[in-house]
Amino acid sequence: KGSVTIAKEDAKITASRMTYNERTFEVFAEGDVIYEDGEIILKGDSAEYNTDKKTGVFYNAKIFSKKSSFRVASKAIEKRAENEYVLTDASITTCESAQPEWCFRGKNFDVIIGDRLKGRNVTFNIKGHPVLYTPFLWAPAITERKTGLLTPIIGYSGQKGFFYGQSFFWAIAEDKDATITLDWYLKMGL
């Protein structure tokens, strides 16, 4: 009881109260639970965590990514592997304000930080109000910028006819990038 900390390798968990089983490596933590490793800070009301397997469930919790502005708030966050999480009744955003301007909300998400997130029955919310719904969402959850093709733009204009636009993003350095765009119009050409 009090201010309790358990540390193993690059991870530590702190809480007001903890019970630790040395044989099974299981931790039961309550009160201002904070888990921290090289990638994330995870805060919650309570947790069940295995220090050997580095897995567990955190209740009424929030995740803050150290390498990006990726933020999660969830009723339950299950840590299945080093960067893999399952979220229940969650909101996800990259908005850095205390009250995020926008977020994705859903009942279930599967997130691999540094790779992707998947969700079912997801709404896109602006200032707390749902504005779009999708039965399935897949989005990148990368922690660093990557060079590659961006989503193409396809459409029709009365003056230019059918058009197709393709952009290429080049991550030159951490603080430098370039976007090159090629547009093709049926009536005008490239």
N, C-alpha and C. Protein backbone atom coordinates (compact mmCIF):
# COMPACT_ATOMS: atom_id res chain seq x y z
N LYS A 1 0.84 -1.18 0.00
CA LYS A 1 0.00 0.00 0.00
C LYS A 1 0.89 1.23 0.00
N GLY A 2 0.32 2.32 -0.47
CA GLY A 2 1.08 3.56 -0.57
C GLY A 2 1.47 3.78 -2.02
N SER A 3 2.63 4.26 -2.26
CA SER A 3 3.14 4.44 -3.61
C SER A 3 4.00 3.23 -3.96
N VAL A 4 3.44 2.30 -4.76
CA VAL A 4 4.08 1.03 -5.05
C VAL A 4 4.57 1.03 -6.50
N THR A 5 5.79 0.53 -6.73
CA THR A 5 6.36 0.44 -8.08
C THR A 5 6.97 -0.93 -8.27
N ILE A 6 6.67 -1.54 -9.41
CA ILE A 6 7.32 -2.77 -9.83
C ILE A 6 7.96 -2.48 -11.18
N ALA A 7 9.26 -2.77 -11.31
CA ALA A 7 9.99 -2.52 -12.56
C ALA A 7 10.64 -3.81 -13.03
N LYS A 8 10.57 -4.02 -14.35
CA LYS A 8 11.21 -5.18 -14.96
C LYS A 8 11.65 -4.78 -16.36
N GLU A 9 12.95 -4.91 -16.62
CA GLU A 9 13.55 -4.50 -17.89
C GLU A 9 13.22 -3.03 -18.15
N ASP A 10 12.60 -2.70 -19.29
CA ASP A 10 12.31 -1.29 -19.60
C ASP A 10 10.90 -0.88 -19.21
N ALA A 11 10.16 -1.75 -18.51
CA ALA A 11 8.77 -1.44 -18.15
C ALA A 11 8.63 -1.31 -16.63
N LYS A 12 7.70 -0.43 -16.23
CA LYS A 12 7.39 -0.32 -14.80
C LYS A 12 5.91 -0.04 -14.65
N ILE A 13 5.38 -0.46 -13.51
CA ILE A 13 3.98 -0.22 -13.18
C ILE A 13 3.93 0.34 -11.76
N THR A 14 3.18 1.42 -11.59
CA THR A 14 3.03 2.03 -10.27
C THR A 14 1.54 2.15 -9.95
N ALA A 15 1.23 2.13 -8.65
CA ALA A 15 -0.17 2.25 -8.21
C ALA A 15 -0.20 2.56 -6.73
N SER A 16 -1.39 2.90 -6.24
CA SER A 16 -1.57 3.15 -4.81
C SER A 16 -1.53 1.85 -4.01
N ARG A 17 -2.13 0.78 -4.58
CA ARG A 17 -2.16 -0.53 -3.92
C ARG A 17 -1.87 -1.62 -4.96
N MET A 18 -1.05 -2.60 -4.56
CA MET A 18 -0.74 -3.72 -5.46
C MET A 18 -0.61 -5.02 -4.68
N THR A 19 -1.00 -6.08 -5.36
CA THR A 19 -0.74 -7.44 -4.89
C THR A 19 0.09 -8.10 -5.98
N TYR A 20 1.22 -8.71 -5.59
CA TYR A 20 2.12 -9.33 -6.57
C TYR A 20 2.34 -10.79 -6.19
N ASN A 21 2.12 -11.69 -7.15
CA ASN A 21 2.35 -13.11 -6.95
C ASN A 21 3.68 -13.46 -7.59
N GLU A 22 4.69 -13.80 -6.78
CA GLU A 22 6.03 -14.08 -7.29
C GLU A 22 6.10 -15.35 -8.14
N ARG A 23 5.22 -16.32 -7.88
CA ARG A 23 5.23 -17.57 -8.66
C ARG A 23 4.65 -17.38 -10.05
N THR A 24 3.54 -16.63 -10.16
CA THR A 24 2.86 -16.47 -11.46
C THR A 24 3.19 -15.15 -12.15
N PHE A 25 3.92 -14.24 -11.44
CA PHE A 25 4.29 -12.92 -11.96
C PHE A 25 3.08 -12.02 -12.21
N GLU A 26 1.96 -12.31 -11.55
CA GLU A 26 0.74 -11.54 -11.75
C GLU A 26 0.66 -10.38 -10.75
N VAL A 27 0.25 -9.23 -11.28
CA VAL A 27 0.08 -8.02 -10.48
C VAL A 27 -1.39 -7.62 -10.53
N PHE A 28 -1.95 -7.32 -9.38
CA PHE A 28 -3.29 -6.74 -9.30
C PHE A 28 -3.09 -5.36 -8.69
N ALA A 29 -3.36 -4.32 -9.48
CA ALA A 29 -3.09 -2.95 -9.06
C ALA A 29 -4.38 -2.14 -9.01
N GLU A 30 -4.47 -1.24 -8.03
CA GLU A 30 -5.63 -0.36 -7.89
C GLU A 30 -5.17 1.04 -7.51
N GLY A 31 -5.89 2.02 -8.01
CA GLY A 31 -5.65 3.40 -7.63
C GLY A 31 -4.51 4.05 -8.38
N ASP A 32 -4.82 4.95 -9.29
CA ASP A 32 -3.83 5.69 -10.06
C ASP A 32 -2.75 4.79 -10.66
N VAL A 33 -3.19 3.78 -11.40
CA VAL A 33 -2.27 2.83 -12.02
C VAL A 33 -1.60 3.49 -13.23
N ILE A 34 -0.27 3.39 -13.29
CA ILE A 34 0.49 3.91 -14.43
C ILE A 34 1.46 2.83 -14.89
N TYR A 35 1.33 2.44 -16.16
CA TYR A 35 2.27 1.51 -16.80
C TYR A 35 3.07 2.33 -17.80
N GLU A 36 4.39 2.13 -17.82
CA GLU A 36 5.23 2.86 -18.75
C GLU A 36 6.32 1.95 -19.29
N ASP A 37 6.53 2.03 -20.62
CA ASP A 37 7.64 1.35 -21.26
C ASP A 37 8.26 2.31 -22.27
N GLY A 38 9.09 1.83 -23.16
CA GLY A 38 9.77 2.69 -24.13
C GLY A 38 8.85 3.33 -25.14
N GLU A 39 7.66 2.76 -25.36
CA GLU A 39 6.74 3.24 -26.39
C GLU A 39 5.56 4.05 -25.86
N ILE A 40 4.99 3.63 -24.73
CA ILE A 40 3.73 4.23 -24.27
C ILE A 40 3.71 4.52 -22.78
N ILE A 41 2.73 5.35 -22.40
CA ILE A 41 2.33 5.53 -21.01
C ILE A 41 0.86 5.15 -20.96
N LEU A 42 0.50 4.24 -20.07
CA LEU A 42 -0.87 3.76 -19.95
C LEU A 42 -1.34 4.04 -18.52
N LYS A 43 -2.42 4.82 -18.38
CA LYS A 43 -2.94 5.17 -17.06
C LYS A 43 -4.33 4.59 -16.90
N GLY A 44 -4.65 4.09 -15.70
CA GLY A 44 -5.97 3.52 -15.47
C GLY A 44 -6.35 3.53 -14.00
N ASP A 45 -7.59 3.13 -13.74
CA ASP A 45 -8.09 3.03 -12.36
C ASP A 45 -7.57 1.76 -11.68
N SER A 46 -7.56 0.65 -12.45
CA SER A 46 -7.09 -0.62 -11.90
C SER A 46 -6.53 -1.47 -13.04
N ALA A 47 -5.79 -2.54 -12.68
CA ALA A 47 -5.17 -3.39 -13.71
C ALA A 47 -4.89 -4.78 -13.19
N GLU A 48 -4.89 -5.72 -14.12
CA GLU A 48 -4.42 -7.08 -13.90
C GLU A 48 -3.32 -7.27 -14.92
N TYR A 49 -2.08 -7.50 -14.49
CA TYR A 49 -0.94 -7.49 -15.41
C TYR A 49 0.03 -8.60 -15.06
N ASN A 50 0.60 -9.24 -16.08
CA ASN A 50 1.61 -10.28 -15.91
C ASN A 50 2.96 -9.70 -16.33
N THR A 51 3.87 -9.55 -15.37
CA THR A 51 5.17 -8.93 -15.67
C THR A 51 6.07 -9.81 -16.51
N ASP A 52 5.85 -11.12 -16.51
CA ASP A 52 6.66 -12.04 -17.31
C ASP A 52 6.22 -12.03 -18.78
N LYS A 53 4.92 -12.13 -19.01
CA LYS A 53 4.38 -12.16 -20.38
C LYS A 53 4.16 -10.76 -20.95
N LYS A 54 4.18 -9.73 -20.09
CA LYS A 54 3.92 -8.34 -20.48
C LYS A 54 2.53 -8.19 -21.11
N THR A 55 1.56 -8.85 -20.49
CA THR A 55 0.18 -8.79 -20.95
C THR A 55 -0.72 -8.46 -19.76
N GLY A 56 -1.92 -7.97 -20.07
CA GLY A 56 -2.85 -7.68 -18.99
C GLY A 56 -4.00 -6.81 -19.45
N VAL A 57 -4.86 -6.45 -18.49
CA VAL A 57 -6.02 -5.62 -18.78
C VAL A 57 -6.00 -4.43 -17.82
N PHE A 58 -6.21 -3.24 -18.39
CA PHE A 58 -6.28 -1.99 -17.63
C PHE A 58 -7.68 -1.44 -17.78
N TYR A 59 -8.29 -1.03 -16.67
CA TYR A 59 -9.69 -0.60 -16.67
C TYR A 59 -9.79 0.93 -16.55
N ASN A 60 -10.79 1.50 -17.28
CA ASN A 60 -10.97 2.96 -17.35
C ASN A 60 -9.61 3.62 -17.58
N ALA A 61 -9.05 3.29 -18.74
CA ALA A 61 -7.65 3.62 -19.00
C ALA A 61 -7.46 4.52 -20.21
N LYS A 62 -6.25 5.11 -20.27
CA LYS A 62 -5.84 5.95 -21.38
C LYS A 62 -4.43 5.58 -21.79
N ILE A 63 -4.17 5.60 -23.11
CA ILE A 63 -2.83 5.35 -23.65
C ILE A 63 -2.32 6.63 -24.30
N PHE A 64 -1.07 6.96 -24.02
CA PHE A 64 -0.39 8.07 -24.68
C PHE A 64 0.86 7.49 -25.34
N SER A 65 0.99 7.64 -26.65
CA SER A 65 2.17 7.17 -27.36
C SER A 65 3.29 8.19 -27.20
N LYS A 66 4.49 7.74 -26.87
CA LYS A 66 5.62 8.64 -26.66
C LYS A 66 6.17 9.16 -27.98
N LYS A 67 6.03 8.39 -29.06
CA LYS A 67 6.65 8.76 -30.34
C LYS A 67 5.71 9.52 -31.26
N SER A 68 4.43 9.53 -30.97
CA SER A 68 3.48 10.25 -31.81
C SER A 68 2.38 10.82 -30.91
N SER A 69 1.44 11.51 -31.50
CA SER A 69 0.35 12.09 -30.72
C SER A 69 -0.85 11.15 -30.67
N PHE A 70 -0.63 9.87 -30.81
CA PHE A 70 -1.67 8.84 -30.78
C PHE A 70 -2.19 8.72 -29.35
N ARG A 71 -3.51 8.93 -29.14
CA ARG A 71 -4.12 8.88 -27.81
C ARG A 71 -5.37 8.00 -27.83
N VAL A 72 -5.54 7.24 -26.76
CA VAL A 72 -6.67 6.32 -26.64
C VAL A 72 -7.28 6.47 -25.25
N ALA A 73 -8.60 6.46 -25.17
CA ALA A 73 -9.32 6.38 -23.90
C ALA A 73 -10.30 5.22 -24.04
N SER A 74 -10.35 4.33 -23.03
CA SER A 74 -11.15 3.12 -23.18
C SER A 74 -11.64 2.62 -21.82
N LYS A 75 -12.80 1.95 -21.87
CA LYS A 75 -13.35 1.32 -20.67
C LYS A 75 -12.43 0.18 -20.21
N ALA A 76 -11.88 -0.56 -21.18
CA ALA A 76 -10.93 -1.62 -20.88
C ALA A 76 -9.91 -1.71 -22.01
N ILE A 77 -8.64 -1.76 -21.64
CA ILE A 77 -7.55 -1.91 -22.61
C ILE A 77 -6.83 -3.20 -22.28
N GLU A 78 -6.88 -4.14 -23.21
CA GLU A 78 -6.17 -5.41 -23.03
C GLU A 78 -4.87 -5.34 -23.80
N LYS A 79 -3.75 -5.49 -23.09
CA LYS A 79 -2.42 -5.50 -23.71
C LYS A 79 -2.10 -6.95 -24.02
N ARG A 80 -2.14 -7.32 -25.31
CA ARG A 80 -1.94 -8.71 -25.71
C ARG A 80 -0.50 -9.05 -26.04
N ALA A 81 0.25 -8.07 -26.50
CA ALA A 81 1.66 -8.26 -26.85
C ALA A 81 2.35 -6.91 -26.69
N GLU A 82 3.61 -6.82 -27.11
CA GLU A 82 4.38 -5.60 -26.88
C GLU A 82 3.68 -4.34 -27.38
N ASN A 83 3.15 -4.35 -28.60
CA ASN A 83 2.48 -3.18 -29.17
C ASN A 83 1.06 -3.48 -29.61
N GLU A 84 0.47 -4.57 -29.14
CA GLU A 84 -0.87 -4.97 -29.58
C GLU A 84 -1.88 -4.82 -28.45
N TYR A 85 -2.99 -4.13 -28.76
CA TYR A 85 -4.01 -3.83 -27.77
C TYR A 85 -5.39 -4.10 -28.32
N VAL A 86 -6.31 -4.53 -27.46
CA VAL A 86 -7.73 -4.65 -27.78
C VAL A 86 -8.45 -3.68 -26.87
N LEU A 87 -9.31 -2.83 -27.47
CA LEU A 87 -9.98 -1.77 -26.74
C LEU A 87 -11.48 -2.00 -26.71
N THR A 88 -12.10 -1.71 -25.58
CA THR A 88 -13.55 -1.83 -25.42
C THR A 88 -14.12 -0.46 -25.09
N ASP A 89 -15.21 -0.07 -25.80
CA ASP A 89 -15.82 1.25 -25.61
C ASP A 89 -14.74 2.33 -25.60
N ALA A 90 -14.14 2.55 -26.76
CA ALA A 90 -12.95 3.40 -26.84
C ALA A 90 -13.12 4.60 -27.76
N SER A 91 -12.28 5.59 -27.54
CA SER A 91 -12.12 6.71 -28.46
C SER A 91 -10.64 6.81 -28.80
N ILE A 92 -10.35 7.11 -30.07
CA ILE A 92 -8.98 7.19 -30.56
C ILE A 92 -8.83 8.51 -31.32
N THR A 93 -7.72 9.21 -31.06
CA THR A 93 -7.47 10.48 -31.74
C THR A 93 -5.97 10.74 -31.80
N THR A 94 -5.57 11.67 -32.66
CA THR A 94 -4.22 12.21 -32.65
C THR A 94 -4.26 13.68 -32.28
N CYS A 95 -5.43 14.18 -31.92
CA CYS A 95 -5.61 15.57 -31.48
C CYS A 95 -4.96 15.72 -30.11
N GLU A 96 -4.11 16.74 -29.95
CA GLU A 96 -3.33 16.88 -28.72
C GLU A 96 -3.97 17.76 -27.65
N SER A 97 -5.12 18.37 -27.92
CA SER A 97 -5.73 19.23 -26.91
C SER A 97 -6.34 18.41 -25.78
N ALA A 98 -6.54 19.04 -24.63
CA ALA A 98 -7.10 18.34 -23.47
C ALA A 98 -8.49 17.78 -23.77
N GLN A 99 -9.30 18.55 -24.48
CA GLN A 99 -10.61 18.09 -24.97
C GLN A 99 -10.48 17.95 -26.49
N PRO A 100 -10.19 16.74 -26.99
CA PRO A 100 -9.95 16.57 -28.43
C PRO A 100 -11.10 17.09 -29.30
N GLU A 101 -10.74 17.78 -30.37
CA GLU A 101 -11.72 18.32 -31.31
C GLU A 101 -12.40 17.21 -32.11
N TRP A 102 -11.69 16.09 -32.33
CA TRP A 102 -12.23 14.98 -33.12
C TRP A 102 -11.71 13.66 -32.56
N CYS A 103 -12.44 12.59 -32.85
CA CYS A 103 -12.00 11.25 -32.47
C CYS A 103 -12.82 10.20 -33.22
N PHE A 104 -12.30 8.99 -33.25
CA PHE A 104 -13.05 7.83 -33.69
C PHE A 104 -13.55 7.14 -32.43
N ARG A 105 -14.84 6.78 -32.39
CA ARG A 105 -15.41 6.07 -31.24
C ARG A 105 -15.98 4.75 -31.71
N GLY A 106 -15.80 3.71 -30.90
CA GLY A 106 -16.34 2.41 -31.24
C GLY A 106 -16.35 1.47 -30.05
N LYS A 107 -17.11 0.38 -30.18
CA LYS A 107 -17.22 -0.60 -29.10
C LYS A 107 -15.97 -1.48 -29.01
N ASN A 108 -15.38 -1.82 -30.17
CA ASN A 108 -14.22 -2.72 -30.18
C ASN A 108 -13.20 -2.27 -31.21
N PHE A 109 -11.95 -2.17 -30.78
CA PHE A 109 -10.84 -1.87 -31.67
C PHE A 109 -9.73 -2.87 -31.42
N ASP A 110 -8.98 -3.17 -32.46
CA ASP A 110 -7.78 -3.98 -32.38
C ASP A 110 -6.66 -3.08 -32.92
N VAL A 111 -5.68 -2.75 -32.08
CA VAL A 111 -4.65 -1.79 -32.45
C VAL A 111 -3.27 -2.41 -32.31
N ILE A 112 -2.45 -2.24 -33.33
CA ILE A 112 -1.03 -2.55 -33.26
C ILE A 112 -0.30 -1.24 -33.49
N ILE A 113 0.27 -0.66 -32.43
CA ILE A 113 0.95 0.63 -32.54
C ILE A 113 2.18 0.45 -33.42
N GLY A 114 2.30 1.34 -34.39
CA GLY A 114 3.37 1.24 -35.37
C GLY A 114 2.93 0.52 -36.63
N ASP A 115 1.68 0.03 -36.64
CA ASP A 115 1.18 -0.71 -37.81
C ASP A 115 -0.20 -0.22 -38.22
N ARG A 116 -1.26 -0.68 -37.50
CA ARG A 116 -2.62 -0.37 -37.94
C ARG A 116 -3.60 -0.48 -36.79
N LEU A 117 -4.83 0.05 -37.07
CA LEU A 117 -5.94 -0.16 -36.15
C LEU A 117 -7.14 -0.63 -36.95
N LYS A 118 -7.91 -1.52 -36.35
CA LYS A 118 -9.14 -2.02 -36.95
C LYS A 118 -10.26 -1.85 -35.94
N GLY A 119 -11.44 -1.46 -36.45
CA GLY A 119 -12.58 -1.29 -35.57
C GLY A 119 -13.88 -1.64 -36.27
N ARG A 120 -14.88 -1.99 -35.51
CA ARG A 120 -16.21 -2.29 -36.05
C ARG A 120 -17.21 -1.32 -35.45
N ASN A 121 -18.22 -0.95 -36.27
CA ASN A 121 -19.27 -0.02 -35.85
C ASN A 121 -18.67 1.24 -35.23
N VAL A 122 -17.93 1.96 -36.06
CA VAL A 122 -17.16 3.12 -35.63
C VAL A 122 -17.84 4.41 -36.11
N THR A 123 -17.82 5.43 -35.24
CA THR A 123 -18.29 6.76 -35.65
C THR A 123 -17.11 7.73 -35.59
N PHE A 124 -17.14 8.67 -36.52
CA PHE A 124 -16.19 9.77 -36.50
C PHE A 124 -16.90 10.93 -35.82
N ASN A 125 -16.32 11.44 -34.74
CA ASN A 125 -16.97 12.47 -33.93
C ASN A 125 -16.19 13.79 -34.00
N ILE A 126 -16.93 14.88 -34.14
CA ILE A 126 -16.35 16.22 -34.07
C ILE A 126 -17.01 16.93 -32.89
N LYS A 127 -16.17 17.40 -31.97
CA LYS A 127 -16.63 18.07 -30.74
C LYS A 127 -17.70 17.26 -30.02
N GLY A 128 -17.50 15.95 -29.95
CA GLY A 128 -18.40 15.07 -29.22
C GLY A 128 -19.64 14.61 -29.95
N HIS A 129 -19.82 15.03 -31.21
CA HIS A 129 -21.01 14.67 -31.96
C HIS A 129 -20.63 13.76 -33.13
N PRO A 130 -21.31 12.61 -33.27
CA PRO A 130 -21.02 11.72 -34.40
C PRO A 130 -21.47 12.36 -35.72
N VAL A 131 -20.56 12.36 -36.72
CA VAL A 131 -20.89 12.93 -38.02
C VAL A 131 -20.81 11.90 -39.14
N LEU A 132 -20.06 10.83 -38.95
CA LEU A 132 -19.96 9.75 -39.94
C LEU A 132 -19.97 8.40 -39.24
N TYR A 133 -20.51 7.39 -39.92
CA TYR A 133 -20.55 6.02 -39.38
C TYR A 133 -19.94 5.08 -40.41
N THR A 134 -19.21 4.09 -39.94
CA THR A 134 -18.73 3.03 -40.82
C THR A 134 -18.82 1.70 -40.07
N PRO A 135 -19.30 0.64 -40.74
CA PRO A 135 -19.38 -0.65 -40.07
C PRO A 135 -18.00 -1.27 -39.81
N PHE A 136 -17.00 -0.85 -40.60
CA PHE A 136 -15.64 -1.37 -40.43
C PHE A 136 -14.64 -0.26 -40.72
N LEU A 137 -13.63 -0.13 -39.90
CA LEU A 137 -12.59 0.88 -40.09
C LEU A 137 -11.24 0.23 -40.03
N TRP A 138 -10.40 0.54 -40.99
CA TRP A 138 -8.99 0.16 -40.98
C TRP A 138 -8.22 1.43 -41.22
N ALA A 139 -7.22 1.70 -40.40
CA ALA A 139 -6.41 2.91 -40.56
C ALA A 139 -4.99 2.61 -40.08
N PRO A 140 -4.01 3.29 -40.66
CA PRO A 140 -2.64 3.10 -40.17
C PRO A 140 -2.47 3.70 -38.79
N ALA A 141 -1.68 3.07 -37.96
CA ALA A 141 -1.35 3.59 -36.63
C ALA A 141 0.17 3.67 -36.53
N ILE A 142 0.75 4.30 -37.53
CA ILE A 142 2.20 4.38 -37.59
C ILE A 142 2.71 5.46 -36.65
N THR A 143 3.92 5.26 -36.14
CA THR A 143 4.51 6.22 -35.23
C THR A 143 5.58 7.06 -35.91
N GLU A 144 5.85 6.80 -37.15
CA GLU A 144 6.80 7.61 -37.89
C GLU A 144 6.30 7.80 -39.31
N ARG A 145 6.75 8.88 -39.94
CA ARG A 145 6.32 9.16 -41.30
C ARG A 145 7.00 8.19 -42.26
N LYS A 146 6.27 7.83 -43.33
CA LYS A 146 6.80 6.89 -44.31
C LYS A 146 6.62 7.43 -45.71
N THR A 147 7.58 7.13 -46.57
CA THR A 147 7.51 7.49 -47.98
C THR A 147 6.54 6.56 -48.68
N GLY A 148 5.71 7.09 -49.58
CA GLY A 148 4.81 6.23 -50.34
C GLY A 148 3.73 7.00 -51.07
N LEU A 149 2.90 6.23 -51.79
CA LEU A 149 1.79 6.83 -52.54
C LEU A 149 0.66 7.21 -51.59
N LEU A 150 0.03 8.34 -51.87
CA LEU A 150 -1.12 8.78 -51.10
C LEU A 150 -2.39 8.31 -51.81
N THR A 151 -3.52 8.47 -51.17
CA THR A 151 -4.80 8.06 -51.74
C THR A 151 -5.07 8.83 -53.03
N PRO A 152 -5.38 8.14 -54.12
CA PRO A 152 -5.64 8.84 -55.38
C PRO A 152 -6.97 9.61 -55.32
N ILE A 153 -7.07 10.63 -56.16
CA ILE A 153 -8.30 11.43 -56.27
C ILE A 153 -8.88 11.19 -57.64
N ILE A 154 -10.14 10.77 -57.69
CA ILE A 154 -10.83 10.49 -58.95
C ILE A 154 -12.11 11.30 -58.96
N GLY A 155 -12.44 11.89 -60.12
CA GLY A 155 -13.66 12.68 -60.18
C GLY A 155 -13.99 13.14 -61.58
N TYR A 156 -14.91 14.06 -61.66
CA TYR A 156 -15.34 14.60 -62.95
C TYR A 156 -15.57 16.10 -62.79
N SER A 157 -15.11 16.85 -63.78
CA SER A 157 -15.32 18.29 -63.83
C SER A 157 -15.95 18.64 -65.17
N GLY A 158 -16.91 19.56 -65.18
CA GLY A 158 -17.55 19.98 -66.43
C GLY A 158 -16.56 20.57 -67.42
N GLN A 159 -15.57 21.30 -66.96
CA GLN A 159 -14.58 21.93 -67.84
C GLN A 159 -13.46 20.98 -68.24
N LYS A 160 -13.01 20.15 -67.30
CA LYS A 160 -11.82 19.33 -67.55
C LYS A 160 -12.15 17.87 -67.84
N GLY A 161 -13.39 17.46 -67.61
CA GLY A 161 -13.79 16.08 -67.84
C GLY A 161 -13.36 15.18 -66.69
N PHE A 162 -13.31 13.90 -66.96
CA PHE A 162 -12.88 12.92 -65.97
C PHE A 162 -11.44 13.25 -65.56
N PHE A 163 -11.14 13.12 -64.25
CA PHE A 163 -9.76 13.37 -63.82
C PHE A 163 -9.29 12.34 -62.80
N TYR A 164 -7.97 12.19 -62.77
CA TYR A 164 -7.30 11.28 -61.85
C TYR A 164 -6.07 12.00 -61.31
N GLY A 165 -5.91 12.03 -60.02
CA GLY A 165 -4.74 12.66 -59.40
C GLY A 165 -4.05 11.68 -58.48
N GLN A 166 -2.74 11.58 -58.62
CA GLN A 166 -1.96 10.67 -57.78
C GLN A 166 -0.81 11.44 -57.16
N SER A 167 -0.68 11.36 -55.84
CA SER A 167 0.39 12.07 -55.14
C SER A 167 1.35 11.07 -54.52
N PHE A 168 2.60 11.49 -54.44
CA PHE A 168 3.67 10.70 -53.83
C PHE A 168 4.26 11.52 -52.69
N PHE A 169 4.30 10.94 -51.48
CA PHE A 169 4.86 11.63 -50.32
C PHE A 169 6.26 11.10 -50.07
N TRP A 170 7.22 12.02 -49.96
CA TRP A 170 8.61 11.65 -49.73
C TRP A 170 9.04 12.20 -48.37
N ALA A 171 9.29 11.31 -47.41
CA ALA A 171 9.76 11.70 -46.08
C ALA A 171 11.27 11.81 -46.14
N ILE A 172 11.77 13.00 -46.45
CA ILE A 172 13.20 13.23 -46.65
C ILE A 172 13.95 13.11 -45.33
N ALA A 173 13.46 13.77 -44.30
CA ALA A 173 14.06 13.73 -42.96
C ALA A 173 12.93 13.98 -41.95
N GLU A 174 13.27 13.96 -40.67
CA GLU A 174 12.25 14.16 -39.62
C GLU A 174 11.54 15.50 -39.77
N ASP A 175 12.26 16.53 -40.22
CA ASP A 175 11.68 17.86 -40.33
C ASP A 175 11.54 18.34 -41.78
N LYS A 176 11.71 17.43 -42.74
CA LYS A 176 11.60 17.80 -44.15
C LYS A 176 10.81 16.75 -44.92
N ASP A 177 9.97 17.21 -45.84
CA ASP A 177 9.24 16.29 -46.71
C ASP A 177 8.89 17.00 -48.00
N ALA A 178 8.43 16.22 -48.97
CA ALA A 178 7.98 16.77 -50.25
C ALA A 178 6.81 15.93 -50.73
N THR A 179 5.85 16.58 -51.38
CA THR A 179 4.74 15.88 -52.00
C THR A 179 4.74 16.22 -53.48
N ILE A 180 4.77 15.19 -54.31
CA ILE A 180 4.77 15.36 -55.77
C ILE A 180 3.45 14.83 -56.28
N THR A 181 2.75 15.64 -57.07
CA THR A 181 1.42 15.27 -57.55
C THR A 181 1.39 15.27 -59.07
N LEU A 182 0.77 14.25 -59.64
CA LEU A 182 0.55 14.15 -61.07
C LEU A 182 -0.96 14.10 -61.29
N ASP A 183 -1.47 15.07 -62.09
CA ASP A 183 -2.90 15.12 -62.39
C ASP A 183 -3.11 14.84 -63.87
N TRP A 184 -4.12 14.02 -64.18
CA TRP A 184 -4.48 13.74 -65.55
C TRP A 184 -5.97 14.07 -65.73
N TYR A 185 -6.28 14.89 -66.79
CA TYR A 185 -7.64 15.27 -67.10
C TYR A 185 -7.97 14.77 -68.50
N LEU A 186 -9.15 14.21 -68.68
CA LEU A 186 -9.55 13.66 -69.98
C LEU A 186 -9.50 14.71 -71.06
N LYS A 187 -9.96 15.93 -70.81
CA LYS A 187 -10.01 16.98 -71.82
C LYS A 187 -8.70 17.77 -71.95
N MET A 188 -7.86 17.73 -70.91
CA MET A 188 -6.64 18.56 -70.92
C MET A 188 -5.35 17.76 -70.95
N GLY A 189 -5.38 16.48 -70.56
CA GLY A 189 -4.17 15.68 -70.49
C GLY A 189 -3.47 15.86 -69.15
N LEU A 190 -2.14 15.65 -69.12
CA LEU A 190 -1.35 15.77 -67.89
C LEU A 190 -1.12 17.22 -67.52
